PDB file of N, CA and C in Angstrom:
ATOM      1  N   MET A   1      -3.471   9.321 -13.848  1.00  0.00           N
ATOM      2  CA  MET A   1      -3.490   9.642 -12.425  1.00  0.00           C
ATOM      3  C   MET A   1      -3.071   8.442 -11.585  1.00  0.00           C
ATOM      4  N   GLU A   2      -3.168   7.263 -12.106  1.00  0.00           N
ATOM      5  CA  GLU A   2      -2.792   6.042 -11.383  1.00  0.00           C
ATOM      6  C   GLU A   2      -1.364   6.113 -10.865  1.00  0.00           C
ATOM      7  N   LYS A   3      -0.423   6.597 -11.667  1.00  0.00           N
ATOM      8  CA  LYS A   3       0.987   6.678 -11.266  1.00  0.00           C
ATOM      9  C   LYS A   3       1.154   7.647 -10.110  1.00  0.00           C
ATOM     10  N   ASP A   4       0.512   8.825 -10.192  1.00  0.00           N
ATOM     11  CA  ASP A   4       0.590   9.807  -9.108  1.00  0.00           C
ATOM     12  C   ASP A   4      -0.007   9.255  -7.827  1.00  0.00           C
ATOM     13  N   GLU A   5      -1.134   8.591  -7.971  1.00  0.00           N
ATOM     14  CA  GLU A   5      -1.804   8.004  -6.811  1.00  0.00           C
ATOM     15  C   GLU A   5      -0.921   6.940  -6.155  1.00  0.00           C
ATOM     16  N   LYS A   6      -0.317   6.119  -6.975  1.00  0.00           N
ATOM     17  CA  LYS A   6       0.571   5.071  -6.473  1.00  0.00           C
ATOM     18  C   LYS A   6       1.795   5.674  -5.786  1.00  0.00           C
ATOM     19  N   ASP A   7       2.364   6.723  -6.366  1.00  0.00           N
ATOM     20  CA  ASP A   7       3.514   7.398  -5.753  1.00  0.00           C
ATOM     21  C   ASP A   7       3.151   7.982  -4.390  1.00  0.00           C
ATOM     22  N   THR A   8       1.953   8.558  -4.302  1.00  0.00           N
ATOM     23  CA  THR A   8       1.485   9.125  -3.035  1.00  0.00           C
ATOM     24  C   THR A   8       1.366   8.037  -1.973  1.00  0.00           C
ATOM     25  N   VAL A   9       0.813   6.908  -2.348  1.00  0.00           N
ATOM     26  CA  VAL A   9       0.652   5.784  -1.420  1.00  0.00           C
ATOM     27  C   VAL A   9       2.018   5.265  -0.972  1.00  0.00           C
ATOM     28  N   ILE A  10       2.935   5.126  -1.895  1.00  0.00           N
ATOM     29  CA  ILE A  10       4.273   4.628  -1.561  1.00  0.00           C
ATOM     30  C   ILE A  10       4.981   5.596  -0.607  1.00  0.00           C
ATOM     31  N   ARG A  11       4.847   6.898  -0.850  1.00  0.00           N
ATOM     32  CA  ARG A  11       5.458   7.902   0.026  1.00  0.00           C
ATOM     33  C   ARG A  11       4.874   7.813   1.439  1.00  0.00           C
ATOM     34  N   ALA A  12       3.558   7.684   1.529  1.00  0.00           N
ATOM     35  CA  ALA A  12       2.905   7.607   2.838  1.00  0.00           C
ATOM     36  C   ALA A  12       3.305   6.341   3.584  1.00  0.00           C
ATOM     37  N   LEU A  13       3.281   5.214   2.892  1.00  0.00           N
ATOM     38  CA  LEU A  13       3.668   3.961   3.544  1.00  0.00           C
ATOM     39  C   LEU A  13       5.133   3.995   3.964  1.00  0.00           C
ATOM     40  N   GLY A  14       5.976   4.574   3.120  1.00  0.00           N
ATOM     41  CA  GLY A  14       7.396   4.692   3.448  1.00  0.00           C
ATOM     42  C   GLY A  14       7.625   5.556   4.677  1.00  0.00           C
ATOM     43  N   ALA A  15       6.864   6.640   4.781  1.00  0.00           N
ATOM     44  CA  ALA A  15       7.008   7.525   5.935  1.00  0.00           C
ATOM     45  C   ALA A  15       6.585   6.823   7.226  1.00  0.00           C
ATOM     46  N   LEU A  16       5.580   5.982   7.143  1.00  0.00           N
ATOM     47  CA  LEU A  16       5.092   5.279   8.327  1.00  0.00           C
ATOM     48  C   LEU A  16       5.899   4.024   8.665  1.00  0.00           C
ATOM     49  N   ALA A  17       6.781   3.634   7.769  1.00  0.00           N
ATOM     50  CA  ALA A  17       7.553   2.395   7.952  1.00  0.00           C
ATOM     51  C   ALA A  17       8.803   2.619   8.790  1.00  0.00           C
ATOM     52  N   GLN A  18       8.675   3.412   9.836  1.00  0.00           N
ATOM     53  CA  GLN A  18       9.778   3.686  10.753  1.00  0.00           C
ATOM     54  C   GLN A  18       9.146   3.869  12.123  1.00  0.00           C
ATOM     55  N   ASP A  19       9.696   3.228  13.136  1.00  0.00           N
ATOM     56  CA  ASP A  19       9.009   3.174  14.427  1.00  0.00           C
ATOM     57  C   ASP A  19       8.731   4.540  15.054  1.00  0.00           C
ATOM     58  N   ASN A  20       9.678   5.462  15.030  1.00  0.00           N
ATOM     59  CA  ASN A  20       9.429   6.779  15.624  1.00  0.00           C
ATOM     60  C   ASN A  20       8.353   7.551  14.870  1.00  0.00           C
ATOM     61  N   ARG A  21       8.388   7.491  13.544  1.00  0.00           N
ATOM     62  CA  ARG A  21       7.372   8.205  12.764  1.00  0.00           C
ATOM     63  C   ARG A  21       5.998   7.593  12.978  1.00  0.00           C
ATOM     64  N   LEU A  22       5.922   6.291  13.077  1.00  0.00           N
ATOM     65  CA  LEU A  22       4.640   5.650  13.344  1.00  0.00           C
ATOM     66  C   LEU A  22       4.121   6.075  14.722  1.00  0.00           C
ATOM     67  N   ASP A  23       5.006   6.131  15.708  1.00  0.00           N
ATOM     68  CA  ASP A  23       4.613   6.588  17.045  1.00  0.00           C
ATOM     69  C   ASP A  23       4.123   8.034  17.016  1.00  0.00           C
ATOM     70  N   VAL A  24       4.824   8.890  16.285  1.00  0.00           N
ATOM     71  CA  VAL A  24       4.422  10.296  16.158  1.00  0.00           C
ATOM     72  C   VAL A  24       3.041  10.375  15.523  1.00  0.00           C
ATOM     73  N   TYR A  25       2.847   9.654  14.436  1.00  0.00           N
ATOM     74  CA  TYR A  25       1.570   9.709  13.733  1.00  0.00           C
ATOM     75  C   TYR A  25       0.436   9.202  14.626  1.00  0.00           C
ATOM     76  N   ARG A  26       0.669   8.089  15.315  1.00  0.00           N
ATOM     77  CA  ARG A  26      -0.363   7.540  16.208  1.00  0.00           C
ATOM     78  C   ARG A  26      -0.711   8.535  17.316  1.00  0.00           C
ATOM     79  N   LEU A  27       0.283   9.197  17.872  1.00  0.00           N
ATOM     80  CA  LEU A  27       0.042  10.200  18.909  1.00  0.00           C
ATOM     81  C   LEU A  27      -0.799  11.348  18.353  1.00  0.00           C
ATOM     82  N   LEU A  28      -0.465  11.795  17.148  1.00  0.00           N
ATOM     83  CA  LEU A  28      -1.215  12.900  16.535  1.00  0.00           C
ATOM     84  C   LEU A  28      -2.641  12.492  16.196  1.00  0.00           C
ATOM     85  N   VAL A  29      -2.842  11.269  15.764  1.00  0.00           N
ATOM     86  CA  VAL A  29      -4.202  10.785  15.500  1.00  0.00           C
ATOM     87  C   VAL A  29      -5.006  10.821  16.792  1.00  0.00           C
ATOM     88  N   GLY A  30      -4.392  10.363  17.868  1.00  0.00           N
ATOM     89  CA  GLY A  30      -5.071  10.374  19.162  1.00  0.00           C
ATOM     90  C   GLY A  30      -5.394  11.777  19.650  1.00  0.00           C
ATOM     91  N   ALA A  31      -4.601  12.744  19.256  1.00  0.00           N
ATOM     92  CA  ALA A  31      -4.824  14.136  19.666  1.00  0.00           C
ATOM     93  C   ALA A  31      -5.987  14.772  18.915  1.00  0.00           C
ATOM     94  N   GLY A  32      -6.382  14.178  17.801  1.00  0.00           N
ATOM     95  CA  GLY A  32      -7.492  14.730  17.028  1.00  0.00           C
ATOM     96  C   GLY A  32      -7.058  15.848  16.106  1.00  0.00           C
ATOM     97  N   PRO A  33      -8.023  16.510  15.489  1.00  0.00           N
ATOM     98  CA  PRO A  33      -7.725  17.518  14.467  1.00  0.00           C
ATOM     99  C   PRO A  33      -7.002  18.764  14.979  1.00  0.00           C
ATOM    100  N   ASP A  34      -7.057  19.036  16.279  1.00  0.00           N
ATOM    101  CA  ASP A  34      -6.364  20.209  16.816  1.00  0.00           C
ATOM    102  C   ASP A  34      -4.855  20.001  16.885  1.00  0.00           C
ATOM    103  N   GLY A  35      -4.400  18.745  16.932  1.00  0.00           N
ATOM    104  CA  GLY A  35      -2.981  18.455  16.952  1.00  0.00           C
ATOM    105  C   GLY A  35      -2.325  18.749  18.290  1.00  0.00           C
ATOM    106  N   LEU A  36      -0.998  18.744  18.271  1.00  0.00           N
ATOM    107  CA  LEU A  36      -0.194  18.961  19.471  1.00  0.00           C
ATOM    108  C   LEU A  36       1.010  19.828  19.151  1.00  0.00           C
ATOM    109  N   PRO A  37       1.469  20.596  20.138  1.00  0.00           N
ATOM    110  CA  PRO A  37       2.718  21.336  19.944  1.00  0.00           C
ATOM    111  C   PRO A  37       3.885  20.363  19.820  1.00  0.00           C
ATOM    112  N   ALA A  38       4.872  20.727  19.033  1.00  0.00           N
ATOM    113  CA  ALA A  38       6.030  19.861  18.810  1.00  0.00           C
ATOM    114  C   ALA A  38       6.696  19.480  20.133  1.00  0.00           C
ATOM    115  N   GLY A  39       6.800  20.414  21.051  1.00  0.00           N
ATOM    116  CA  GLY A  39       7.427  20.124  22.337  1.00  0.00           C
ATOM    117  C   GLY A  39       6.698  19.059  23.127  1.00  0.00           C
ATOM    118  N   GLN A  40       5.400  19.063  23.042  1.00  0.00           N
ATOM    119  CA  GLN A  40       4.597  18.057  23.743  1.00  0.00           C
ATOM    120  C   GLN A  40       4.799  16.682  23.115  1.00  0.00           C
ATOM    121  N   VAL A  41       4.904  16.635  21.793  1.00  0.00           N
ATOM    122  CA  VAL A  41       5.166  15.368  21.105  1.00  0.00           C
ATOM    123  C   VAL A  41       6.538  14.845  21.514  1.00  0.00           C
ATOM    124  N   ALA A  42       7.531  15.735  21.523  1.00  0.00           N
ATOM    125  CA  ALA A  42       8.894  15.350  21.900  1.00  0.00           C
ATOM    126  C   ALA A  42       8.917  14.782  23.317  1.00  0.00           C
ATOM    127  N   ALA A  43       8.240  15.442  24.239  1.00  0.00           N
ATOM    128  CA  ALA A  43       8.218  14.990  25.629  1.00  0.00           C
ATOM    129  C   ALA A  43       7.493  13.655  25.768  1.00  0.00           C
ATOM    130  N   ALA A  44       6.371  13.518  25.082  1.00  0.00           N
ATOM    131  CA  ALA A  44       5.576  12.285  25.188  1.00  0.00           C
ATOM    132  C   ALA A  44       6.331  11.076  24.654  1.00  0.00           C
ATOM    133  N   LEU A  45       7.143  11.284  23.613  1.00  0.00           N
ATOM    134  CA  LEU A  45       7.828  10.159  22.975  1.00  0.00           C
ATOM    135  C   LEU A  45       9.310  10.070  23.345  1.00  0.00           C
ATOM    136  N   GLY A  46       9.798  11.044  24.100  1.00  0.00           N
ATOM    137  CA  GLY A  46      11.202  11.026  24.496  1.00  0.00           C
ATOM    138  C   GLY A  46      12.165  11.196  23.332  1.00  0.00           C
ATOM    139  N   LEU A  47      11.787  12.042  22.382  1.00  0.00           N
ATOM    140  CA  LEU A  47      12.624  12.288  21.210  1.00  0.00           C
ATOM    141  C   LEU A  47      13.299  13.655  21.299  1.00  0.00           C
ATOM    142  N   ALA A  48      14.540  13.720  20.866  1.00  0.00           N
ATOM    143  CA  ALA A  48      15.261  14.989  20.808  1.00  0.00           C
ATOM    144  C   ALA A  48      14.606  15.882  19.749  1.00  0.00           C
ATOM    145  N   PRO A  49      14.566  17.203  19.984  1.00  0.00           N
ATOM    146  CA  PRO A  49      13.919  18.112  19.029  1.00  0.00           C
ATOM    147  C   PRO A  49      14.433  17.984  17.590  1.00  0.00           C
ATOM    148  N   ASN A  50      15.766  17.847  17.407  1.00  0.00           N
ATOM    149  CA  ASN A  50      16.274  17.745  16.026  1.00  0.00           C
ATOM    150  C   ASN A  50      15.844  16.434  15.374  1.00  0.00           C
ATOM    151  N   THR A  51      15.787  15.362  16.143  1.00  0.00           N
ATOM    152  CA  THR A  51      15.319  14.076  15.616  1.00  0.00           C
ATOM    153  C   THR A  51      13.846  14.176  15.248  1.00  0.00           C
ATOM    154  N   LEU A  52      13.069  14.784  16.127  1.00  0.00           N
ATOM    155  CA  LEU A  52      11.643  14.939  15.879  1.00  0.00           C
ATOM    156  C   LEU A  52      11.390  15.793  14.645  1.00  0.00           C
ATOM    157  N   SER A  53      12.163  16.855  14.467  1.00  0.00           N
ATOM    158  CA  SER A  53      12.011  17.705  13.278  1.00  0.00           C
ATOM    159  C   SER A  53      12.196  16.902  12.003  1.00  0.00           C
ATOM    160  N   PHE A  54      13.192  16.034  11.989  1.00  0.00           N
ATOM    161  CA  PHE A  54      13.435  15.177  10.828  1.00  0.00           C
ATOM    162  C   PHE A  54      12.210  14.300  10.555  1.00  0.00           C
ATOM    163  N   HIS A  55      11.655  13.688  11.597  1.00  0.00           N
ATOM    164  CA  HIS A  55      10.494  12.810  11.417  1.00  0.00           C
ATOM    165  C   HIS A  55       9.253  13.600  10.993  1.00  0.00           C
ATOM    166  N   PHE A  56       9.053  14.783  11.590  1.00  0.00           N
ATOM    167  CA  PHE A  56       7.934  15.622  11.171  1.00  0.00           C
ATOM    168  C   PHE A  56       8.052  15.976   9.690  1.00  0.00           C
ATOM    169  N   ASP A  57       9.260  16.300   9.241  1.00  0.00           N
ATOM    170  CA  ASP A  57       9.456  16.646   7.825  1.00  0.00           C
ATOM    171  C   ASP A  57       9.071  15.495   6.912  1.00  0.00           C
ATOM    172  N   ARG A  58       9.486  14.290   7.257  1.00  0.00           N
ATOM    173  CA  ARG A  58       9.126  13.125   6.431  1.00  0.00           C
ATOM    174  C   ARG A  58       7.618  12.911   6.403  1.00  0.00           C
ATOM    175  N   LEU A  59       6.971  13.029   7.546  1.00  0.00           N
ATOM    176  CA  LEU A  59       5.515  12.863   7.600  1.00  0.00           C
ATOM    177  C   LEU A  59       4.801  13.979   6.844  1.00  0.00           C
ATOM    178  N   ARG A  60       5.310  15.188   6.946  1.00  0.00           N
ATOM    179  CA  ARG A  60       4.714  16.318   6.231  1.00  0.00           C
ATOM    180  C   ARG A  60       4.876  16.161   4.725  1.00  0.00           C
ATOM    181  N   GLN A  61       6.073  15.763   4.281  1.00  0.00           N
ATOM    182  CA  GLN A  61       6.319  15.558   2.852  1.00  0.00           C
ATOM    183  C   GLN A  61       5.423  14.460   2.280  1.00  0.00           C
ATOM    184  N   ALA A  62       5.074  13.490   3.104  1.00  0.00           N
ATOM    185  CA  ALA A  62       4.190  12.411   2.668  1.00  0.00           C
ATOM    186  C   ALA A  62       2.718  12.802   2.746  1.00  0.00           C
ATOM    187  N   GLY A  63       2.448  14.008   3.233  1.00  0.00           N
ATOM    188  CA  GLY A  63       1.069  14.487   3.323  1.00  0.00           C
ATOM    189  C   GLY A  63       0.299  13.931   4.509  1.00  0.00           C
ATOM    190  N   LEU A  64       1.001  13.348   5.467  1.00  0.00           N
ATOM    191  CA  LEU A  64       0.328  12.724   6.606  1.00  0.00           C
ATOM    192  C   LEU A  64       0.114  13.670   7.786  1.00  0.00           C
ATOM    193  N   VAL A  65       0.859  14.765   7.845  1.00  0.00           N
ATOM    194  CA  VAL A  65       0.666  15.746   8.912  1.00  0.00           C
ATOM    195  C   VAL A  65       0.668  17.151   8.326  1.00  0.00           C
ATOM    196  N   SER A  66       0.018  18.046   9.043  1.00  0.00           N
ATOM    197  CA  SER A  66       0.059  19.466   8.706  1.00  0.00           C
ATOM    198  C   SER A  66       0.711  20.192   9.872  1.00  0.00           C
ATOM    199  N   VAL A  67       1.162  21.391   9.614  1.00  0.00           N
ATOM    200  CA  VAL A  67       1.791  22.187  10.671  1.00  0.00           C
ATOM    201  C   VAL A  67       1.281  23.617  10.567  1.00  0.00           C
ATOM    202  N   ARG A  68       1.066  24.216  11.731  1.00  0.00           N
ATOM    203  CA  ARG A  68       0.680  25.629  11.781  1.00  0.00           C
ATOM    204  C   ARG A  68       1.398  26.269  12.963  1.00  0.00           C
ATOM    205  N   ARG A  69       1.581  27.553  12.869  1.00  0.00           N
ATOM    206  CA  ARG A  69       2.253  28.296  13.942  1.00  0.00           C
ATOM    207  C   ARG A  69       1.192  28.964  14.808  1.00  0.00           C
ATOM    208  N   GLU A  70       1.346  28.796  16.111  1.00  0.00           N
ATOM    209  CA  GLU A  70       0.514  29.503  17.079  1.00  0.00           C
ATOM    210  C   GLU A  70       1.471  30.181  18.043  1.00  0.00           C
ATOM    211  N   GLY A  71       1.628  31.482  17.878  1.00  0.00           N
ATOM    212  CA  GLY A  71       2.612  32.208  18.679  1.00  0.00           C
ATOM    213  C   GLY A  71       4.000  31.693  18.360  1.00  0.00           C
ATOM    214  N   ARG A  72       4.682  31.192  19.373  1.00  0.00           N
ATOM    215  CA  ARG A  72       6.033  30.660  19.166  1.00  0.00           C
ATOM    216  C   ARG A  72       6.037  29.152  18.977  1.00  0.00           C
ATOM    217  N   SER A  73       4.870  28.525  19.036  1.00  0.00           N
ATOM    218  CA  SER A  73       4.788  27.067  18.938  1.00  0.00           C
ATOM    219  C   SER A  73       4.412  26.609  17.535  1.00  0.00           C
ATOM    220  N   LEU A  74       4.982  25.477  17.152  1.00  0.00           N
ATOM    221  CA  LEU A  74       4.550  24.792  15.933  1.00  0.00           C
ATOM    222  C   LEU A  74       3.612  23.675  16.369  1.00  0.00           C
ATOM    223  N   ILE A  75       2.417  23.680  15.800  1.00  0.00           N
ATOM    224  CA  ILE A  75       1.397  22.694  16.138  1.00  0.00           C
ATOM    225  C   ILE A  75       1.269  21.732  14.960  1.00  0.00           C
ATOM    226  N   TYR A  76       1.466  20.460  15.237  1.00  0.00           N
ATOM    227  CA  TYR A  76       1.366  19.433  14.212  1.00  0.00           C
ATOM    228  C   TYR A  76       0.077  18.652  14.401  1.00  0.00           C
ATOM    229  N   ALA A  77      -0.557  18.304  13.290  1.00  0.00           N
ATOM    230  CA  ALA A  77      -1.813  17.549  13.339  1.00  0.00           C
ATOM    231  C   ALA A  77      -1.814  16.491  12.247  1.00  0.00           C
ATOM    232  N   ALA A  78      -2.428  15.366  12.550  1.00  0.00           N
ATOM    233  CA  ALA A  78      -2.582  14.303  11.554  1.00  0.00           C
ATOM    234  C   ALA A  78      -3.545  14.785  10.473  1.00  0.00           C
ATOM    235  N   ARG A  79      -3.226  14.428   9.238  1.00  0.00           N
ATOM    236  CA  ARG A  79      -4.139  14.720   8.123  1.00  0.00           C
ATOM    237  C   ARG A  79      -4.963  13.468   7.876  1.00  0.00           C
ATOM    238  N   PHE A  80      -6.153  13.465   8.439  1.00  0.00           N
ATOM    239  CA  PHE A  80      -7.023  12.306   8.347  1.00  0.00           C
ATOM    240  C   PHE A  80      -7.461  12.039   6.912  1.00  0.00           C
ATOM    241  N   ASP A  81      -7.568  13.096   6.108  1.00  0.00           N
ATOM    242  CA  ASP A  81      -7.969  12.916   4.715  1.00  0.00           C
ATOM    243  C   ASP A  81      -6.944  12.073   3.955  1.00  0.00           C
ATOM    244  N   THR A  82      -5.667  12.286   4.237  1.00  0.00           N
ATOM    245  CA  THR A  82      -4.627  11.513   3.564  1.00  0.00           C
ATOM    246  C   THR A  82      -4.688  10.051   3.986  1.00  0.00           C
ATOM    247  N   MET A  83      -4.873   9.791   5.283  1.00  0.00           N
ATOM    248  CA  MET A  83      -4.956   8.412   5.745  1.00  0.00           C
ATOM    249  C   MET A  83      -6.200   7.731   5.184  1.00  0.00           C
ATOM    250  N   ASN A  84      -7.309   8.445   5.130  1.00  0.00           N
ATOM    251  CA  ASN A  84      -8.517   7.856   4.551  1.00  0.00           C
ATOM    252  C   ASN A  84      -8.321   7.523   3.080  1.00  0.00           C
ATOM    253  N   THR A  85      -7.619   8.386   2.358  1.00  0.00           N
ATOM    254  CA  THR A  85      -7.306   8.114   0.954  1.00  0.00           C
ATOM    255  C   THR A  85      -6.409   6.889   0.831  1.00  0.00           C
ATOM    256  N   LEU A  86      -5.416   6.794   1.702  1.00  0.00           N
ATOM    257  CA  LEU A  86      -4.508   5.646   1.697  1.00  0.00           C
ATOM    258  C   LEU A  86      -5.269   4.350   1.956  1.00  0.00           C
ATOM    259  N   ILE A  87      -6.120   4.359   2.956  1.00  0.00           N
ATOM    260  CA  ILE A  87      -6.900   3.159   3.278  1.00  0.00           C
ATOM    261  C   ILE A  87      -7.840   2.802   2.126  1.00  0.00           C
ATOM    262  N   SER A  88      -8.468   3.806   1.541  1.00  0.00           N
ATOM    263  CA  SER A  88      -9.361   3.555   0.398  1.00  0.00           C
ATOM    264  C   SER A  88      -8.599   2.952  -0.772  1.00  0.00           C
ATOM    265  N   TYR A  89      -7.415   3.503  -1.046  1.00  0.00           N
ATOM    266  CA  TYR A  89      -6.601   2.991  -2.147  1.00  0.00           C
ATOM    267  C   TYR A  89      -6.243   1.529  -1.902  1.00  0.00           C
ATOM    268  N   LEU A  90      -5.768   1.227  -0.702  1.00  0.00           N
ATOM    269  CA  LEU A  90      -5.370  -0.147  -0.393  1.00  0.00           C
ATOM    270  C   LEU A  90      -6.563  -1.094  -0.451  1.00  0.00           C
ATOM    271  N   THR A  91      -7.708  -0.645   0.030  1.00  0.00           N
ATOM    272  CA  THR A  91      -8.904  -1.486  -0.005  1.00  0.00           C
ATOM    273  C   THR A  91      -9.331  -1.759  -1.434  1.00  0.00           C
ATOM    274  N   GLU A  92      -9.315  -0.714  -2.253  1.00  0.00           N
ATOM    275  CA  GLU A  92      -9.754  -0.859  -3.641  1.00  0.00           C
ATOM    276  C   GLU A  92      -8.758  -1.648  -4.485  1.00  0.00           C
ATOM    277  N   LYS A  93      -7.479  -1.304  -4.363  1.00  0.00           N
ATOM    278  CA  LYS A  93      -6.465  -1.884  -5.249  1.00  0.00           C
ATOM    279  C   LYS A  93      -5.891  -3.207  -4.744  1.00  0.00           C
ATOM    280  N   CYS A  94      -5.890  -3.416  -3.449  1.00  0.00           N
ATOM    281  CA  CYS A  94      -5.224  -4.595  -2.896  1.00  0.00           C
ATOM    282  C   CYS A  94      -6.198  -5.667  -2.424  1.00  0.00           C
ATOM    283  N   CYS A  95      -7.479  -5.362  -2.406  1.00  0.00           N
ATOM    284  CA  CYS A  95      -8.466  -6.332  -1.936  1.00  0.00           C
ATOM    285  C   CYS A  95      -9.346  -6.825  -3.086  1.00  0.00           C
ATOM    286  N   GLY A  96      -8.922  -6.553  -4.294  1.00  0.00           N
ATOM    287  CA  GLY A  96      -9.664  -7.022  -5.457  1.00  0.00           C
ATOM    288  C   GLY A  96     -11.080  -6.480  -5.538  1.00  0.00           C
ATOM    289  N   GLY A  97     -11.290  -5.271  -5.014  1.00  0.00           N
ATOM    290  CA  GLY A  97     -12.629  -4.693  -5.050  1.00  0.00           C
ATOM    291  C   GLY A  97     -13.581  -5.321  -4.059  1.00  0.00           C
ATOM    292  N   LYS A  98     -13.067  -6.139  -3.154  1.00  0.00           N
ATOM    293  CA  LYS A  98     -13.896  -6.797  -2.142  1.00  0.00           C
ATOM    294  C   LYS A  98     -13.439  -6.338  -0.760  1.00  0.00           C
ATOM    295  N   PRO A  99     -13.932  -5.186  -0.302  1.00  0.00           N
ATOM    296  CA  PRO A  99     -13.457  -4.623   0.957  1.00  0.00           C
ATOM    297  C   PRO A  99     -13.633  -5.553   2.155  1.00  0.00           C
ATOM    298  N   GLU A 100     -14.610  -6.455   2.085  1.00  0.00           N
ATOM    299  CA  GLU A 100     -14.809  -7.379   3.203  1.00  0.00           C
ATOM    300  C   GLU A 100     -13.609  -8.301   3.413  1.00  0.00           C
ATOM    301  N   LEU A 101     -12.794  -8.501   2.378  1.00  0.00           N
ATOM    302  CA  LEU A 101     -11.586  -9.309   2.517  1.00  0.00           C
ATOM    303  C   LEU A 101     -10.510  -8.592   3.328  1.00  0.00           C
ATOM    304  N   CYS A 102     -10.592  -7.274   3.398  1.00  0.00           N
ATOM    305  CA  CYS A 102      -9.571  -6.483   4.077  1.00  0.00           C
ATOM    306  C   CYS A 102     -10.049  -5.901   5.390  1.00  0.00           C
ATOM    307  N   THR A 103     -11.212  -6.288   5.835  1.00  0.00           N
ATOM    308  CA  THR A 103     -11.716  -5.773   7.095  1.00  0.00           C
ATOM    309  C   THR A 103     -10.773  -6.172   8.217  1.00  0.00           C
ATOM    310  N   PRO A 104     -10.344  -5.210   9.015  1.00  0.00           N
ATOM    311  CA  PRO A 104      -9.425  -5.545  10.114  1.00  0.00           C
ATOM    312  C   PRO A 104     -10.022  -6.600  11.035  1.00  0.00           C
ATOM    313  N   ALA A 105      -9.170  -7.458  11.562  1.00  0.00           N
ATOM    314  CA  ALA A 105      -9.603  -8.557  12.419  1.00  0.00           C
ATOM    315  C   ALA A 105     -10.397  -8.050  13.619  1.00  0.00           C
ATOM    316  N   ALA A 106      -9.984  -6.939  14.210  1.00  0.00           N
ATOM    317  CA  ALA A 106     -10.685  -6.411  15.375  1.00  0.00           C
ATOM    318  C   ALA A 106     -12.120  -6.040  15.024  1.00  0.00           C
ATOM    319  N   THR A 107     -12.341  -5.487  13.838  1.00  0.00           N
ATOM    320  CA  THR A 107     -13.682  -5.132  13.405  1.00  0.00           C
ATOM    321  C   THR A 107     -14.520  -6.384  13.245  1.00  0.00           C
ATOM    322  N   GLN A 108     -13.931  -7.434  12.695  1.00  0.00           N
ATOM    323  CA  GLN A 108     -14.652  -8.695  12.521  1.00  0.00           C
ATOM    324  C   GLN A 108     -15.026  -9.295  13.873  1.00  0.00           C
ATOM    325  N   VAL A 109     -14.123  -9.232  14.833  1.00  0.00           N
ATOM    326  CA  VAL A 109     -14.406  -9.758  16.169  1.00  0.00           C
ATOM    327  C   VAL A 109     -15.534  -8.968  16.813  1.00  0.00           C
ATOM    328  N   LEU A 110     -15.490  -7.651  16.728  1.00  0.00           N
ATOM    329  CA  LEU A 110     -16.543  -6.820  17.306  1.00  0.00           C
ATOM    330  C   LEU A 110     -17.888  -7.106  16.661  1.00  0.00           C
ATOM    331  N   ALA A 111     -17.908  -7.301  15.360  1.00  0.00           N
ATOM    332  CA  ALA A 111     -19.152  -7.617  14.661  1.00  0.00           C
ATOM    333  C   ALA A 111     -19.691  -8.961  15.129  1.00  0.00           C
ATOM    334  N   THR A 112     -18.822  -9.935  15.304  1.00  0.00           N
ATOM    335  CA  THR A 112     -19.235 -11.263  15.759  1.00  0.00           C
ATOM    336  C   THR A 112     -19.822 -11.174  17.170  1.00  0.00           C
ATOM    337  N   VAL A 113     -19.174 -10.419  18.042  1.00  0.00           N
ATOM    338  CA  VAL A 113     -19.665 -10.243  19.413  1.00  0.00           C
ATOM    339  C   VAL A 113     -21.034  -9.575  19.395  1.00  0.00           C
ATOM    340  N   ALA A 114     -21.195  -8.563  18.563  1.00  0.00           N
ATOM    341  CA  ALA A 114     -22.462  -7.842  18.472  1.00  0.00           C
ATOM    342  C   ALA A 114     -23.582  -8.766  18.000  1.00  0.00           C
ATOM    343  N   ILE A 115     -23.277  -9.633  17.045  1.00  0.00           N
ATOM    344  CA  ILE A 115     -24.269 -10.581  16.534  1.00  0.00           C
ATOM    345  C   ILE A 115     -24.665 -11.577  17.625  1.00  0.00           C
ATOM    346  N   LYS A 116     -23.676 -12.063  18.355  1.00  0.00           N
ATOM    347  CA  LYS A 116     -23.952 -13.047  19.420  1.00  0.00           C
ATOM    348  C   LYS A 116     -24.792 -12.428  20.535  1.00  0.00           C
ATOM    349  N   ARG A 117     -24.626 -11.130  20.795  1.00  0.00           N
ATOM    350  CA  ARG A 117     -25.388 -10.470  21.850  1.00  0.00           C
ATOM    351  C   ARG A 117     -26.824 -10.222  21.429  1.00  0.00           C
ATOM    352  N   SER A 118     -27.083 -10.193  20.129  1.00  0.00           N
ATOM    353  CA  SER A 118     -28.425  -9.888  19.623  1.00  0.00           C
ATOM    354  C   SER A 118     -29.417 -10.988  19.902  1.00  0.00           C
TER     355      SER A 118
END
């Protein structure tokens, strides 16, 4: 299963390694589990519909977004389970089993501030 898991991680990282796709994914994360209609994403990011379709396809193939039809609209949503799996994989495999080494800097700063306030 290690090879499949690694392939999944590489696909997800590859999909996010493009500025428009990263912007799309971040917007969808901010929208929460209900997602957003494709037209709203296009308007928010100033992307042409055909360009956006290409980016949605890459994100969907990587398992990072889901799509559902509501009437005439396609609603896209971030797949939080996939991102959580990706983060877990990177923490486990890339941090030598020591997740504290990979704690984001912002989290460390917030923890330090909280300790100082105590």
